[in-house]
Amino acid sequence: MPQSQLWVDADSCPRVIKDILYRAADRAQVQLTLVANQPLSVPGSRFIRFVQVESGFDVADNYIVQEAGKSDLVITADIPLAAEVIEKGCLALNPRGELYTTENIRQRLNMRDFMDTMRSSGLDTGGPPPLSQGDRQAFANALDRYLARLTSGDPAAR
């Protein structure tokens, strides 16, 4: 059975989260692939690779959906991307440490669509708050739980 991998929707992933992922990939010796349509500098490591895709709407997302395997972990704040990879059997984690699941993704999609409707009607909904230290810690903890399941041989993480 192939080793599970980490995939990152890298265009919008905060640098501090990427730094956590770089260290984790080397420590756990798990493949980390960052996908973006802009050039990105990544540390030299046999466990870290960068794929630059063409510019365009959802090109990076489509690449991740196509390439990610069942039980891989996808790091993204993009709710439609999270929904697609969950449907494929992957896990999805946002940079604030929230694991998207089959149980909560439909609600997140509905809220996203509602907020899009509000914004298109002229309402200023503001953006998400800045990433806090608690968010970074929640992300690191969720990532560590996933990696611990991988190294323990838990089939749910494979």
C-alpha atoms as a PDB file:
ATOM      1  CA  MET A   1       0.000   0.000   0.000  1.00  0.00           C
ATOM      2  CA  PRO A   2       1.460   3.411  -0.951  1.00  0.00           C
ATOM      3  CA  GLN A   3       2.563   5.785   1.778  1.00  0.00           C
ATOM      4  CA  SER A   4       0.106   8.589   2.539  1.00  0.00           C
ATOM      5  CA  GLN A   5       1.200  12.068   1.532  1.00  0.00           C
ATOM      6  CA  LEU A   6       0.615  15.658   2.512  1.00  0.00           C
ATOM      7  CA  TRP A   7      -0.668  18.075  -0.146  1.00  0.00           C
ATOM      8  CA  VAL A   8      -0.739  21.851   0.296  1.00  0.00           C
ATOM      9  CA  ASP A   9      -2.869  24.377  -1.559  1.00  0.00           C
ATOM     10  CA  ALA A  10       0.163  26.651  -1.317  1.00  0.00           C
ATOM     11  CA  ASP A  11      -0.990  29.887  -2.965  1.00  0.00           C
ATOM     12  CA  SER A  12      -2.967  30.901   0.112  1.00  0.00           C
ATOM     13  CA  CYS A  13      -1.250  28.881   2.840  1.00  0.00           C
ATOM     14  CA  PRO A  14       0.377  31.140   5.461  1.00  0.00           C
ATOM     15  CA  ARG A  15       4.172  30.965   5.626  1.00  0.00           C
ATOM     16  CA  VAL A  16       4.150  29.991   9.307  1.00  0.00           C
ATOM     17  CA  ILE A  17       1.987  26.946   8.440  1.00  0.00           C
ATOM     18  CA  LYS A  18       4.325  26.006   5.576  1.00  0.00           C
ATOM     19  CA  ASP A  19       7.247  26.192   8.022  1.00  0.00           C
ATOM     20  CA  ILE A  20       5.447  23.797  10.387  1.00  0.00           C
ATOM     21  CA  LEU A  21       4.798  21.451   7.450  1.00  0.00           C
ATOM     22  CA  TYR A  22       8.438  21.531   6.283  1.00  0.00           C
ATOM     23  CA  ARG A  23       9.688  20.495   9.716  1.00  0.00           C
ATOM     24  CA  ALA A  24       7.001  17.830  10.089  1.00  0.00           C
ATOM     25  CA  ALA A  25       7.689  16.282   6.669  1.00  0.00           C
ATOM     26  CA  ASP A  26      11.382  15.879   7.466  1.00  0.00           C
ATOM     27  CA  ARG A  27      10.736  14.634  11.012  1.00  0.00           C
ATOM     28  CA  ALA A  28       8.108  12.071   9.956  1.00  0.00           C
ATOM     29  CA  GLN A  29       9.777  11.313   6.620  1.00  0.00           C
ATOM     30  CA  VAL A  30       6.515  11.784   4.733  1.00  0.00           C
ATOM     31  CA  GLN A  31       6.154  13.280   1.246  1.00  0.00           C
ATOM     32  CA  LEU A  32       4.960  16.898   1.276  1.00  0.00           C
ATOM     33  CA  THR A  33       3.869  18.409  -2.033  1.00  0.00           C
ATOM     34  CA  LEU A  34       3.087  22.106  -2.309  1.00  0.00           C
ATOM     35  CA  VAL A  35       1.028  23.130  -5.333  1.00  0.00           C
ATOM     36  CA  ALA A  36       0.749  26.752  -6.490  1.00  0.00           C
ATOM     37  CA  ASN A  37       0.528  28.827  -9.636  1.00  0.00           C
ATOM     38  CA  GLN A  38       3.194  31.257  -8.400  1.00  0.00           C
ATOM     39  CA  PRO A  39       6.883  30.425  -7.861  1.00  0.00           C
ATOM     40  CA  LEU A  40       7.628  29.241  -4.333  1.00  0.00           C
ATOM     41  CA  SER A  41      10.918  28.599  -2.597  1.00  0.00           C
ATOM     42  CA  VAL A  42      10.971  25.406  -0.539  1.00  0.00           C
ATOM     43  CA  PRO A  43      13.745  23.912   1.594  1.00  0.00           C
ATOM     44  CA  GLY A  44      15.961  21.295   0.028  1.00  0.00           C
ATOM     45  CA  SER A  45      14.671  17.942   1.256  1.00  0.00           C
ATOM     46  CA  ARG A  46      13.929  14.606  -0.330  1.00  0.00           C
ATOM     47  CA  PHE A  47      10.533  14.770   1.399  1.00  0.00           C
ATOM     48  CA  ILE A  48       9.479  18.207   0.098  1.00  0.00           C
ATOM     49  CA  ARG A  49       8.573  19.067  -3.462  1.00  0.00           C
ATOM     50  CA  PHE A  50       6.936  21.976  -5.204  1.00  0.00           C
ATOM     51  CA  VAL A  51       4.700  21.770  -8.265  1.00  0.00           C
ATOM     52  CA  GLN A  52       3.994  24.991 -10.122  1.00  0.00           C
ATOM     53  CA  VAL A  53       0.854  24.774 -12.234  1.00  0.00           C
ATOM     54  CA  GLU A  54      -0.439  27.179 -14.865  1.00  0.00           C
ATOM     55  CA  SER A  55      -2.181  30.329 -13.735  1.00  0.00           C
ATOM     56  CA  GLY A  56      -5.925  30.143 -13.812  1.00  0.00           C
ATOM     57  CA  PHE A  57      -9.008  29.636 -11.735  1.00  0.00           C
ATOM     58  CA  ASP A  58      -8.817  26.405  -9.673  1.00  0.00           C
ATOM     59  CA  VAL A  59      -5.836  24.988 -11.630  1.00  0.00           C
ATOM     60  CA  ALA A  60      -3.904  24.196  -8.427  1.00  0.00           C
ATOM     61  CA  ASP A  61      -7.055  22.812  -6.787  1.00  0.00           C
ATOM     62  CA  ASN A  62      -7.765  20.570  -9.779  1.00  0.00           C
ATOM     63  CA  TYR A  63      -4.190  19.261  -9.724  1.00  0.00           C
ATOM     64  CA  ILE A  64      -4.480  18.346  -6.051  1.00  0.00           C
ATOM     65  CA  VAL A  65      -7.846  16.625  -6.571  1.00  0.00           C
ATOM     66  CA  GLN A  66      -6.418  14.632  -9.473  1.00  0.00           C
ATOM     67  CA  GLU A  67      -3.163  13.612  -7.774  1.00  0.00           C
ATOM     68  CA  ALA A  68      -4.046  13.134  -4.098  1.00  0.00           C
ATOM     69  CA  GLY A  69      -4.692   9.566  -3.019  1.00  0.00           C
ATOM     70  CA  LYS A  70      -7.127   8.057  -0.588  1.00  0.00           C
ATOM     71  CA  SER A  71      -6.198   8.935   3.011  1.00  0.00           C
ATOM     72  CA  ASP A  72      -3.727  11.631   1.953  1.00  0.00           C
ATOM     73  CA  LEU A  73      -3.990  14.835   3.966  1.00  0.00           C
ATOM     74  CA  VAL A  74      -4.749  18.041   2.056  1.00  0.00           C
ATOM     75  CA  ILE A  75      -3.989  21.371   3.731  1.00  0.00           C
ATOM     76  CA  THR A  76      -6.347  24.050   2.456  1.00  0.00           C
ATOM     77  CA  ALA A  77      -8.595  26.894   3.512  1.00  0.00           C
ATOM     78  CA  ASP A  78     -10.548  26.428   0.261  1.00  0.00           C
ATOM     79  CA  ILE A  79     -13.823  24.793   1.285  1.00  0.00           C
ATOM     80  CA  PRO A  80     -14.847  23.580  -2.201  1.00  0.00           C
ATOM     81  CA  LEU A  81     -11.413  21.942  -2.580  1.00  0.00           C
ATOM     82  CA  ALA A  82     -11.795  20.349   0.847  1.00  0.00           C
ATOM     83  CA  ALA A  83     -15.203  18.982  -0.178  1.00  0.00           C
ATOM     84  CA  GLU A  84     -13.784  17.464  -3.369  1.00  0.00           C
ATOM     85  CA  VAL A  85     -10.866  15.717  -1.676  1.00  0.00           C
ATOM     86  CA  ILE A  86     -13.068  14.429   1.157  1.00  0.00           C
ATOM     87  CA  GLU A  87     -15.396  12.937  -1.446  1.00  0.00           C
ATOM     88  CA  LYS A  88     -12.340  11.210  -2.923  1.00  0.00           C
ATOM     89  CA  GLY A  89     -11.417   9.686   0.447  1.00  0.00           C
ATOM     90  CA  CYS A  90      -8.726  12.146   1.509  1.00  0.00           C
ATOM     91  CA  LEU A  91      -8.575  14.093   4.745  1.00  0.00           C
ATOM     92  CA  ALA A  92      -8.630  17.898   4.714  1.00  0.00           C
ATOM     93  CA  LEU A  93      -7.217  20.248   7.329  1.00  0.00           C
ATOM     94  CA  ASN A  94      -7.351  24.024   7.285  1.00  0.00           C
ATOM     95  CA  PRO A  95      -4.455  26.240   8.443  1.00  0.00           C
ATOM     96  CA  ARG A  96      -6.316  26.972  11.692  1.00  0.00           C
ATOM     97  CA  GLY A  97      -6.290  23.294  12.664  1.00  0.00           C
ATOM     98  CA  GLU A  98      -9.908  22.454  11.801  1.00  0.00           C
ATOM     99  CA  LEU A  99     -10.319  19.044  10.237  1.00  0.00           C
ATOM    100  CA  TYR A 100     -12.964  19.051   7.550  1.00  0.00           C
ATOM    101  CA  THR A 101     -15.028  15.867   7.610  1.00  0.00           C
ATOM    102  CA  THR A 102     -17.920  14.311   5.749  1.00  0.00           C
ATOM    103  CA  GLU A 103     -20.000  15.402   8.757  1.00  0.00           C
ATOM    104  CA  ASN A 104     -19.108  19.117   8.674  1.00  0.00           C
ATOM    105  CA  ILE A 105     -18.145  19.956   5.089  1.00  0.00           C
ATOM    106  CA  ARG A 106     -21.700  20.428   3.789  1.00  0.00           C
ATOM    107  CA  GLN A 107     -22.384  23.032   6.508  1.00  0.00           C
ATOM    108  CA  ARG A 108     -19.110  24.826   5.658  1.00  0.00           C
ATOM    109  CA  LEU A 109     -20.054  24.877   1.957  1.00  0.00           C
ATOM    110  CA  ASN A 110     -23.493  26.281   2.741  1.00  0.00           C
ATOM    111  CA  MET A 111     -22.005  29.029   4.922  1.00  0.00           C
ATOM    112  CA  ARG A 112     -19.427  29.873   2.260  1.00  0.00           C
ATOM    113  CA  ASP A 113     -22.131  30.146  -0.409  1.00  0.00           C
ATOM    114  CA  PHE A 114     -24.254  32.312   1.894  1.00  0.00           C
ATOM    115  CA  MET A 115     -21.328  34.666   2.559  1.00  0.00           C
ATOM    116  CA  ASP A 116     -20.584  34.848  -1.194  1.00  0.00           C
ATOM    117  CA  THR A 117     -24.203  35.863  -1.769  1.00  0.00           C
ATOM    118  CA  MET A 118     -23.954  38.531   0.930  1.00  0.00           C
ATOM    119  CA  ARG A 119     -20.722  39.931  -0.542  1.00  0.00           C
ATOM    120  CA  SER A 120     -22.141  39.986  -4.086  1.00  0.00           C
ATOM    121  CA  SER A 121     -25.113  42.008  -2.804  1.00  0.00           C
ATOM    122  CA  GLY A 122     -22.689  44.668  -1.573  1.00  0.00           C
ATOM    123  CA  LEU A 123     -22.336  43.728   2.091  1.00  0.00           C
ATOM    124  CA  ASP A 124     -18.792  44.017   3.427  1.00  0.00           C
ATOM    125  CA  THR A 125     -18.340  40.811   5.405  1.00  0.00           C
ATOM    126  CA  GLY A 126     -14.669  41.438   6.164  1.00  0.00           C
ATOM    127  CA  GLY A 127     -12.081  38.716   5.931  1.00  0.00           C
ATOM    128  CA  PRO A 128     -10.972  36.061   8.341  1.00  0.00           C
ATOM    129  CA  PRO A 129      -9.099  37.208  11.440  1.00  0.00           C
ATOM    130  CA  PRO A 130      -5.304  36.971  11.387  1.00  0.00           C
ATOM    131  CA  LEU A 131      -3.825  33.595  12.230  1.00  0.00           C
ATOM    132  CA  SER A 132      -3.295  33.528  16.000  1.00  0.00           C
ATOM    133  CA  GLN A 133      -0.768  31.611  18.066  1.00  0.00           C
ATOM    134  CA  GLY A 134      -3.664  29.374  19.154  1.00  0.00           C
ATOM    135  CA  ASP A 135      -4.526  28.690  15.503  1.00  0.00           C
ATOM    136  CA  ARG A 136      -0.917  27.736  14.761  1.00  0.00           C
ATOM    137  CA  GLN A 137      -0.857  25.440  17.788  1.00  0.00           C
ATOM    138  CA  ALA A 138      -4.183  23.843  16.817  1.00  0.00           C
ATOM    139  CA  PHE A 139      -2.819  23.205  13.327  1.00  0.00           C
ATOM    140  CA  ALA A 140       0.424  21.702  14.631  1.00  0.00           C
ATOM    141  CA  ASN A 141      -1.507  19.470  17.050  1.00  0.00           C
ATOM    142  CA  ALA A 142      -3.889  18.214  14.333  1.00  0.00           C
ATOM    143  CA  LEU A 143      -0.962  17.543  12.005  1.00  0.00           C
ATOM    144  CA  ASP A 144       0.895  15.672  14.755  1.00  0.00           C
ATOM    145  CA  ARG A 145      -2.177  13.480  15.390  1.00  0.00           C
ATOM    146  CA  TYR A 146      -2.344  12.595  11.676  1.00  0.00           C
ATOM    147  CA  LEU A 147       1.383  11.831  11.506  1.00  0.00           C
ATOM    148  CA  ALA A 148       1.222   9.734  14.687  1.00  0.00           C
ATOM    149  CA  ARG A 149      -1.505   7.587  13.096  1.00  0.00           C
ATOM    150  CA  LEU A 150       0.658   7.197   9.992  1.00  0.00           C
ATOM    151  CA  THR A 151       3.699   6.034  11.924  1.00  0.00           C
ATOM    152  CA  SER A 152       1.627   3.724  14.134  1.00  0.00           C
ATOM    153  CA  GLY A 153       0.277   1.912  11.092  1.00  0.00           C
ATOM    154  CA  ASP A 154      -3.324   3.019  11.711  1.00  0.00           C
ATOM    155  CA  PRO A 155      -5.183   2.061   8.525  1.00  0.00           C
ATOM    156  CA  ALA A 156      -7.434   5.131   8.878  1.00  0.00           C
ATOM    157  CA  ALA A 157      -4.390   7.293   8.113  1.00  0.00           C
ATOM    158  CA  ARG A 158      -3.266   5.268   5.095  1.00  0.00           C
END
